[in-house]
Amino acid sequence: MKYNNFQAFEKHVRHSAPQHFSPIYLVITADDFERQKAENLLRKEILGKQNTAAAFIQREAESLAIQALKEELNSADMFAPRRIVLLQHLEALKKPQREYLEEYCLHPSSRLYLICSAASFNRATQLYKKMEKAGVILDVEEKKPWELEKHLIEEIVTSARLEGKAMDGQVAQLLIKQVGMNRALLHQELEKLCCYVGSRSNITSQDIQAICASVPSETIWQLGDAIFQRDIKSVIRIGLALLDEGTPFLILLRQIRSQFQTKYQLCSMHASGGNLADIAAQFPYMKGAILEKNLQMARTYGLERFKKGMMLIDETELLAKNSGADSACLAERLLIKLTC
């Protein structure tokens, strides 16, 4: 069974509770926010009140040894009547592990639920076909920029309405133009707007101009390129200039995190044997010289640096929220670590 949008998938999962869940789920979407949302939905609905550490195991495909995979899928826990194994970055799965999962799909365990997630995945593979037959797939195709903007406008207007606030489509479009198309950032700014307007029932363009961040996306991309090229002088200059121009530090962090995630996916696909045609099919907005440039930067930077970098960004975000440390100091320290 396959769904191509989150709303239909969510409805199916909720209607499956509590006794009719599939033994296998595959979530494919390039949107980090949507992918995490689907993972959290499955964890909440399947485990319910039994949502404990023993009942939920999370692993990354690229670093999971074949023996560890077998143990996770064939072990039981007397303290967890229901277990979930979440396998992330499935696109980076090595051949022996992929072949084992193909066999597993023929006779999945009745003692656990396997959730696999990926930013992109080859639909022509045997693993995809067997997962579709044995389980449920959420496969959201990459939207073209104009399709994505239309979808985000509808999503923001709906989210505002659920918070009891009216928001015109043109106002939502202004928010997107000002903040960018990162869904996590958009929802963060929408929360700020709902608090800002207080008891007022509608959100206006004046509210957005008053309190919402304005992210100069072109310069953000220049910062990302400088990091991946390990140009420390440009990284420090651009990063601190963005903060001086008023870009909120948390938004800057999440924009960098988004670029790291995309380049990491490119690097993972290449490391797993994907060629330019395979990668272009999964990232249709990158073509020709642009794709080659991004792939070259990703390969040069390397998988291990990407993984460490994403951890550093997440750690810095926690410090920014909880320590009261100066944003410029945190930014400079992080940017140096990401570039070295």
Protein backbone atom coordinates (compact mmCIF):
# COMPACT_ATOMS: atom_id res chain seq x y z
CA MET A 1 0.00 0.00 0.00
CA LYS A 2 1.34 3.43 -0.91
CA TYR A 3 0.43 7.05 -0.11
CA ASN A 4 1.85 10.14 -1.80
CA ASN A 5 0.83 12.79 0.74
CA PHE A 6 1.13 13.07 4.50
CA GLN A 7 -2.55 13.79 5.17
CA ALA A 8 -3.74 10.50 3.63
CA PHE A 9 -0.92 8.59 5.34
CA GLU A 10 -1.76 10.14 8.72
CA LYS A 11 -5.43 9.20 8.33
CA HIS A 12 -4.47 5.61 7.49
CA VAL A 13 -2.14 5.30 10.50
CA ARG A 14 -4.69 6.69 12.95
CA HIS A 15 -7.40 4.37 11.61
CA SER A 16 -5.02 1.41 12.04
CA ALA A 17 -4.84 1.90 15.81
CA PRO A 18 -4.65 0.00 18.02
CA GLN A 19 -4.40 -3.48 16.47
CA HIS A 20 -4.06 -3.14 12.70
CA PHE A 21 -0.66 -1.57 12.13
CA SER A 22 1.55 -2.80 9.32
CA PRO A 23 4.77 -4.65 10.31
CA ILE A 24 6.77 -2.46 7.91
CA TYR A 25 6.64 1.27 7.08
CA LEU A 26 8.79 3.16 4.61
CA VAL A 27 8.81 6.98 4.72
CA ILE A 28 10.38 8.79 1.75
CA THR A 29 10.40 12.58 1.59
CA ALA A 30 13.14 15.13 0.98
CA ASP A 31 11.54 17.42 3.57
CA ASP A 32 13.28 16.85 6.93
CA PHE A 33 10.35 18.38 8.80
CA GLU A 34 7.79 16.11 7.13
CA ARG A 35 9.95 13.00 7.51
CA GLN A 36 10.39 13.58 11.25
CA LYS A 37 6.67 14.31 11.56
CA ALA A 38 5.85 10.93 9.99
CA GLU A 39 8.37 9.11 12.21
CA ASN A 40 6.92 10.74 15.34
CA LEU A 41 3.36 9.95 14.24
CA LEU A 42 4.16 6.25 13.87
CA ARG A 43 6.01 6.10 17.19
CA LYS A 44 3.16 7.80 19.05
CA GLU A 45 0.35 5.77 17.47
CA ILE A 46 2.03 2.35 17.60
CA LEU A 47 3.53 2.55 21.09
CA GLY A 48 0.96 4.77 22.78
CA LYS A 49 1.55 4.76 26.54
CA GLN A 50 4.24 2.08 26.12
CA ASN A 51 6.57 4.64 24.52
CA THR A 52 9.72 3.75 26.50
CA ALA A 53 13.43 3.59 25.67
CA ALA A 54 13.27 -0.21 25.57
CA ALA A 55 10.42 -0.11 23.07
CA PHE A 56 12.06 2.27 20.59
CA ILE A 57 15.38 1.61 18.84
CA GLN A 58 16.79 4.17 16.38
CA ARG A 59 19.67 3.37 14.01
CA GLU A 60 21.35 4.99 11.00
CA ALA A 61 21.55 2.75 7.94
CA GLU A 62 25.02 3.79 6.79
CA SER A 63 26.69 2.80 10.08
CA LEU A 64 24.65 -0.31 10.95
CA ALA A 65 26.59 -3.57 10.63
CA ILE A 66 24.80 -6.59 9.19
CA GLN A 67 25.00 -8.55 12.46
CA ALA A 68 23.60 -5.62 14.44
CA LEU A 69 20.72 -5.35 11.96
CA LYS A 70 19.90 -9.03 12.36
CA GLU A 71 19.98 -8.76 16.14
CA GLU A 72 17.69 -5.73 16.19
CA LEU A 73 15.11 -7.38 13.93
CA ASN A 74 15.13 -10.75 15.67
CA SER A 75 15.42 -9.89 19.36
CA ALA A 76 12.59 -9.44 21.84
CA ASP A 77 12.24 -7.56 25.12
CA MET A 78 10.05 -8.93 27.89
CA PHE A 79 9.49 -5.38 29.19
CA ALA A 80 8.28 -4.07 25.82
CA PRO A 81 5.32 -5.97 24.32
CA ARG A 82 5.54 -3.66 21.30
CA ARG A 83 8.87 -2.58 19.80
CA ILE A 84 9.83 -0.23 16.99
CA VAL A 85 13.11 -0.30 15.09
CA LEU A 86 13.58 2.98 13.21
CA LEU A 87 16.17 2.75 10.44
CA GLN A 88 17.04 6.21 9.11
CA HIS A 89 18.88 7.22 5.90
CA LEU A 90 17.81 4.02 4.13
CA GLU A 91 19.27 5.38 0.87
CA ALA A 92 22.76 4.78 2.35
CA LEU A 93 22.15 1.11 3.21
CA LYS A 94 24.97 -1.21 2.14
CA LYS A 95 24.32 -4.16 -0.17
CA PRO A 96 24.44 -7.03 2.42
CA GLN A 97 22.04 -5.16 4.72
CA ARG A 98 19.76 -4.34 1.80
CA GLU A 99 19.63 -7.99 0.73
CA TYR A 100 18.86 -9.05 4.30
CA LEU A 101 15.97 -6.57 4.48
CA GLU A 102 14.64 -7.94 1.19
CA GLU A 103 14.48 -11.39 2.80
CA TYR A 104 13.02 -9.95 6.00
CA CYS A 105 10.12 -8.43 4.04
CA LEU A 106 9.00 -11.92 3.07
CA HIS A 107 8.56 -12.95 6.71
CA PRO A 108 8.55 -9.88 8.99
CA SER A 109 8.66 -10.40 12.73
CA SER A 110 5.38 -10.33 14.62
CA ARG A 111 7.21 -8.93 17.66
CA LEU A 112 8.19 -5.54 16.25
CA TYR A 113 7.43 -2.78 13.76
CA LEU A 114 10.14 -1.78 11.30
CA ILE A 115 10.10 1.88 10.22
CA CYS A 116 12.55 2.92 7.50
CA SER A 117 13.00 6.52 6.37
CA ALA A 118 14.92 8.22 3.59
CA ALA A 119 15.18 11.57 1.86
CA SER A 120 15.12 9.73 -1.46
CA PHE A 121 15.04 6.12 -2.61
CA ASN A 122 15.19 4.24 -5.91
CA ARG A 123 11.67 3.00 -6.63
CA ALA A 124 12.94 0.39 -9.10
CA THR A 125 14.81 -1.63 -6.45
CA GLN A 126 13.63 -4.98 -5.14
CA LEU A 127 13.66 -3.62 -1.60
CA TYR A 128 11.19 -0.86 -2.47
CA LYS A 129 8.87 -3.30 -4.24
CA LYS A 130 8.99 -5.83 -1.41
CA MET A 131 8.36 -3.17 1.23
CA GLU A 132 5.37 -1.93 -0.74
CA LYS A 133 3.98 -5.47 -0.86
CA ALA A 134 4.68 -6.28 2.80
CA GLY A 135 3.90 -2.92 4.36
CA VAL A 136 2.91 0.71 3.87
CA ILE A 137 4.89 3.40 2.04
CA LEU A 138 4.67 7.17 2.30
CA ASP A 139 6.40 8.36 -0.87
CA VAL A 140 6.23 12.12 -1.33
CA GLU A 141 7.76 13.31 -4.59
CA GLU A 142 9.89 16.45 -4.63
CA LYS A 143 7.72 19.43 -5.45
CA LYS A 144 8.70 22.07 -7.99
CA PRO A 145 9.38 25.47 -6.34
CA TRP A 146 6.04 26.96 -7.42
CA GLU A 147 4.18 23.82 -6.30
CA LEU A 148 5.98 23.90 -2.96
CA GLU A 149 5.12 27.56 -2.40
CA LYS A 150 1.42 26.91 -3.10
CA HIS A 151 1.46 23.91 -0.74
CA LEU A 152 3.19 25.89 2.01
CA ILE A 153 0.71 28.77 1.71
CA GLU A 154 -2.17 26.34 2.23
CA GLU A 155 -0.35 24.65 5.12
CA ILE A 156 0.43 27.92 6.92
CA VAL A 157 -3.15 29.21 6.51
CA THR A 158 -4.50 25.91 7.86
CA SER A 159 -2.05 25.84 10.79
CA ALA A 160 -2.99 29.41 11.71
CA ARG A 161 -6.68 28.50 11.62
CA LEU A 162 -6.05 25.56 13.97
CA GLU A 163 -4.53 28.09 16.40
CA GLY A 164 -7.69 30.20 16.13
CA LYS A 165 -6.13 32.85 13.86
CA ALA A 166 -7.26 33.95 10.41
CA MET A 167 -4.48 34.44 7.87
CA ASP A 168 -4.95 35.54 4.28
CA GLY A 169 -3.13 33.62 1.54
CA GLN A 170 -1.21 36.73 0.50
CA VAL A 171 -0.06 37.22 4.07
CA ALA A 172 1.13 33.61 4.21
CA GLN A 173 2.97 34.17 0.93
CA LEU A 174 4.72 37.21 2.43
CA LEU A 175 5.85 35.08 5.39
CA ILE A 176 7.32 32.51 2.98
CA LYS A 177 9.10 35.17 0.93
CA GLN A 178 10.57 36.69 4.08
CA VAL A 179 11.58 33.51 5.93
CA GLY A 180 12.13 31.03 3.08
CA MET A 181 10.69 27.58 2.42
CA ASN A 182 12.13 25.74 5.40
CA ARG A 183 9.01 24.31 7.07
CA ALA A 184 10.48 24.13 10.55
CA LEU A 185 11.37 27.84 10.37
CA LEU A 186 7.96 28.75 8.98
CA HIS A 187 6.14 27.00 11.81
CA GLN A 188 8.49 28.59 14.35
CA GLU A 189 7.69 32.05 12.96
CA LEU A 190 3.97 31.24 12.90
CA GLU A 191 4.13 30.37 16.62
CA LYS A 192 5.77 33.76 17.25
CA LEU A 193 3.05 35.50 15.28
CA CYS A 194 0.26 33.77 17.20
CA CYS A 195 1.81 34.90 20.48
CA TYR A 196 2.45 38.41 19.16
CA VAL A 197 -1.14 39.11 18.04
CA GLY A 198 -2.50 37.90 21.38
CA SER A 199 -6.29 37.98 21.51
CA ARG A 200 -6.57 39.47 18.02
CA SER A 201 -8.20 36.99 15.63
CA ASN A 202 -6.19 37.72 12.49
CA ILE A 203 -2.54 37.90 11.44
CA THR A 204 -1.57 40.72 9.07
CA SER A 205 1.38 41.64 6.88
CA GLN A 206 2.26 44.37 9.40
CA ASP A 207 2.68 41.69 12.08
CA ILE A 208 5.12 39.78 9.86
CA GLN A 209 7.13 42.91 9.13
CA ALA A 210 7.18 43.76 12.84
CA ILE A 211 8.59 40.57 14.34
CA CYS A 212 9.48 37.93 11.74
CA ALA A 213 13.04 37.23 10.69
CA SER A 214 14.19 38.08 7.19
CA VAL A 215 16.72 35.60 5.90
CA PRO A 216 18.78 36.61 2.84
CA SER A 217 18.82 33.13 1.29
CA GLU A 218 21.45 33.92 -1.36
CA THR A 219 24.00 34.82 1.31
CA ILE A 220 23.02 31.76 3.36
CA TRP A 221 23.85 29.60 0.33
CA GLN A 222 27.15 31.43 -0.05
CA LEU A 223 27.92 30.66 3.59
CA GLY A 224 27.13 26.97 3.03
CA ASP A 225 29.36 26.79 -0.04
CA ALA A 226 32.21 28.43 1.87
CA ILE A 227 31.84 25.87 4.69
CA PHE A 228 31.88 22.89 2.30
CA GLN A 229 34.88 24.36 0.47
CA ARG A 230 36.51 24.91 3.89
CA ASP A 231 37.23 28.57 3.15
CA ILE A 232 37.58 29.73 6.75
CA LYS A 233 38.05 33.45 5.99
CA SER A 234 34.87 33.64 3.88
CA VAL A 235 32.93 31.54 6.39
CA ILE A 236 33.69 33.86 9.31
CA ARG A 237 33.14 37.01 7.24
CA ILE A 238 29.76 35.92 5.81
CA GLY A 239 28.51 34.30 9.03
CA LEU A 240 29.20 37.29 11.26
CA ALA A 241 27.87 39.68 8.59
CA LEU A 242 24.57 37.79 8.59
CA LEU A 243 24.29 38.19 12.36
CA ASP A 244 25.18 41.89 12.11
CA GLU A 245 22.41 42.33 9.52
CA GLY A 246 19.91 41.01 12.05
CA THR A 247 19.52 37.37 11.03
CA PRO A 248 18.41 35.49 14.20
CA PHE A 249 21.04 32.98 15.27
CA LEU A 250 18.61 30.05 15.56
CA ILE A 251 17.32 30.63 12.05
CA LEU A 252 20.88 30.82 10.74
CA LEU A 253 21.64 27.49 12.45
CA ARG A 254 18.63 25.78 10.93
CA GLN A 255 19.41 27.06 7.45
CA ILE A 256 22.95 25.68 7.75
CA ARG A 257 21.52 22.41 9.12
CA SER A 258 19.24 22.11 6.09
CA GLN A 259 22.18 22.51 3.72
CA PHE A 260 24.19 19.92 5.65
CA GLN A 261 21.30 17.45 5.42
CA THR A 262 20.99 17.89 1.63
CA LYS A 263 24.72 17.55 0.98
CA TYR A 264 24.86 14.55 3.33
CA GLN A 265 22.14 12.83 1.28
CA LEU A 266 24.07 13.51 -1.93
CA CYS A 267 27.24 12.10 -0.42
CA SER A 268 25.43 9.02 0.96
CA MET A 269 23.87 8.19 -2.40
CA HIS A 270 27.22 8.53 -4.16
CA ALA A 271 28.98 6.42 -1.52
CA SER A 272 26.33 3.72 -1.97
CA GLY A 273 27.05 3.46 -5.70
CA GLY A 274 24.53 5.93 -7.10
CA ASN A 275 25.51 7.60 -10.38
CA LEU A 276 24.66 11.11 -11.59
CA ALA A 277 21.45 9.93 -13.24
CA ASP A 278 20.25 8.26 -10.01
CA ILE A 279 21.04 11.35 -7.96
CA ALA A 280 19.45 13.72 -10.50
CA ALA A 281 16.26 11.65 -10.36
CA GLN A 282 16.06 12.18 -6.60
CA PHE A 283 17.07 15.87 -6.69
CA PRO A 284 15.32 17.17 -9.84
CA TYR A 285 15.98 20.82 -8.91
CA MET A 286 19.72 20.16 -9.33
CA LYS A 287 20.77 19.68 -12.93
CA GLY A 288 23.93 19.67 -15.03
CA ALA A 289 26.73 21.83 -13.70
CA ILE A 290 24.80 22.69 -10.51
CA LEU A 291 24.44 19.01 -9.60
CA GLU A 292 28.08 18.28 -10.41
CA LYS A 293 29.22 21.25 -8.31
CA ASN A 294 27.12 20.21 -5.30
CA LEU A 295 28.19 16.57 -5.57
CA GLN A 296 31.85 17.53 -5.80
CA MET A 297 31.55 19.73 -2.69
CA ALA A 298 29.75 16.92 -0.83
CA ARG A 299 32.37 14.32 -1.78
CA THR A 300 35.23 16.62 -0.81
CA TYR A 301 33.68 17.47 2.54
CA GLY A 302 33.01 13.78 3.33
CA LEU A 303 30.37 11.71 5.14
CA GLU A 304 32.08 11.76 8.52
CA ARG A 305 32.37 15.56 8.52
CA PHE A 306 28.69 15.85 7.62
CA LYS A 307 27.65 13.60 10.52
CA LYS A 308 29.90 15.40 13.00
CA GLY A 309 28.78 18.75 11.60
CA MET A 310 25.09 18.04 12.11
CA MET A 311 25.80 16.97 15.69
CA LEU A 312 27.77 20.18 16.30
CA ILE A 313 24.94 22.30 14.89
CA ASP A 314 22.40 20.55 17.12
CA GLU A 315 24.64 20.98 20.18
CA THR A 316 25.10 24.68 19.39
CA GLU A 317 21.34 25.15 19.06
CA LEU A 318 20.88 23.69 22.56
CA LEU A 319 23.56 26.02 23.93
CA ALA A 320 21.95 29.01 22.22
CA LYS A 321 18.60 28.17 23.80
CA ASN A 322 19.78 27.29 27.29
CA SER A 323 23.15 28.86 28.13
CA GLY A 324 22.65 32.57 27.50
CA ALA A 325 26.00 32.65 25.70
CA ASP A 326 26.72 35.38 23.16
CA SER A 327 25.42 34.43 19.69
CA ALA A 328 28.45 35.84 17.88
CA CYS A 329 30.83 33.78 20.04
CA LEU A 330 28.78 30.61 19.54
CA ALA A 331 28.58 31.27 15.80
CA GLU A 332 32.31 31.87 15.39
CA ARG A 333 33.21 28.75 17.39
CA LEU A 334 30.77 26.59 15.41
CA LEU A 335 31.82 27.94 12.01
CA ILE A 336 35.49 27.29 12.77
CA LYS A 337 34.71 23.69 13.80
CA LEU A 338 32.58 23.10 10.71
CA THR A 339 35.30 24.42 8.43
CA CYS A 340 38.37 22.78 9.97
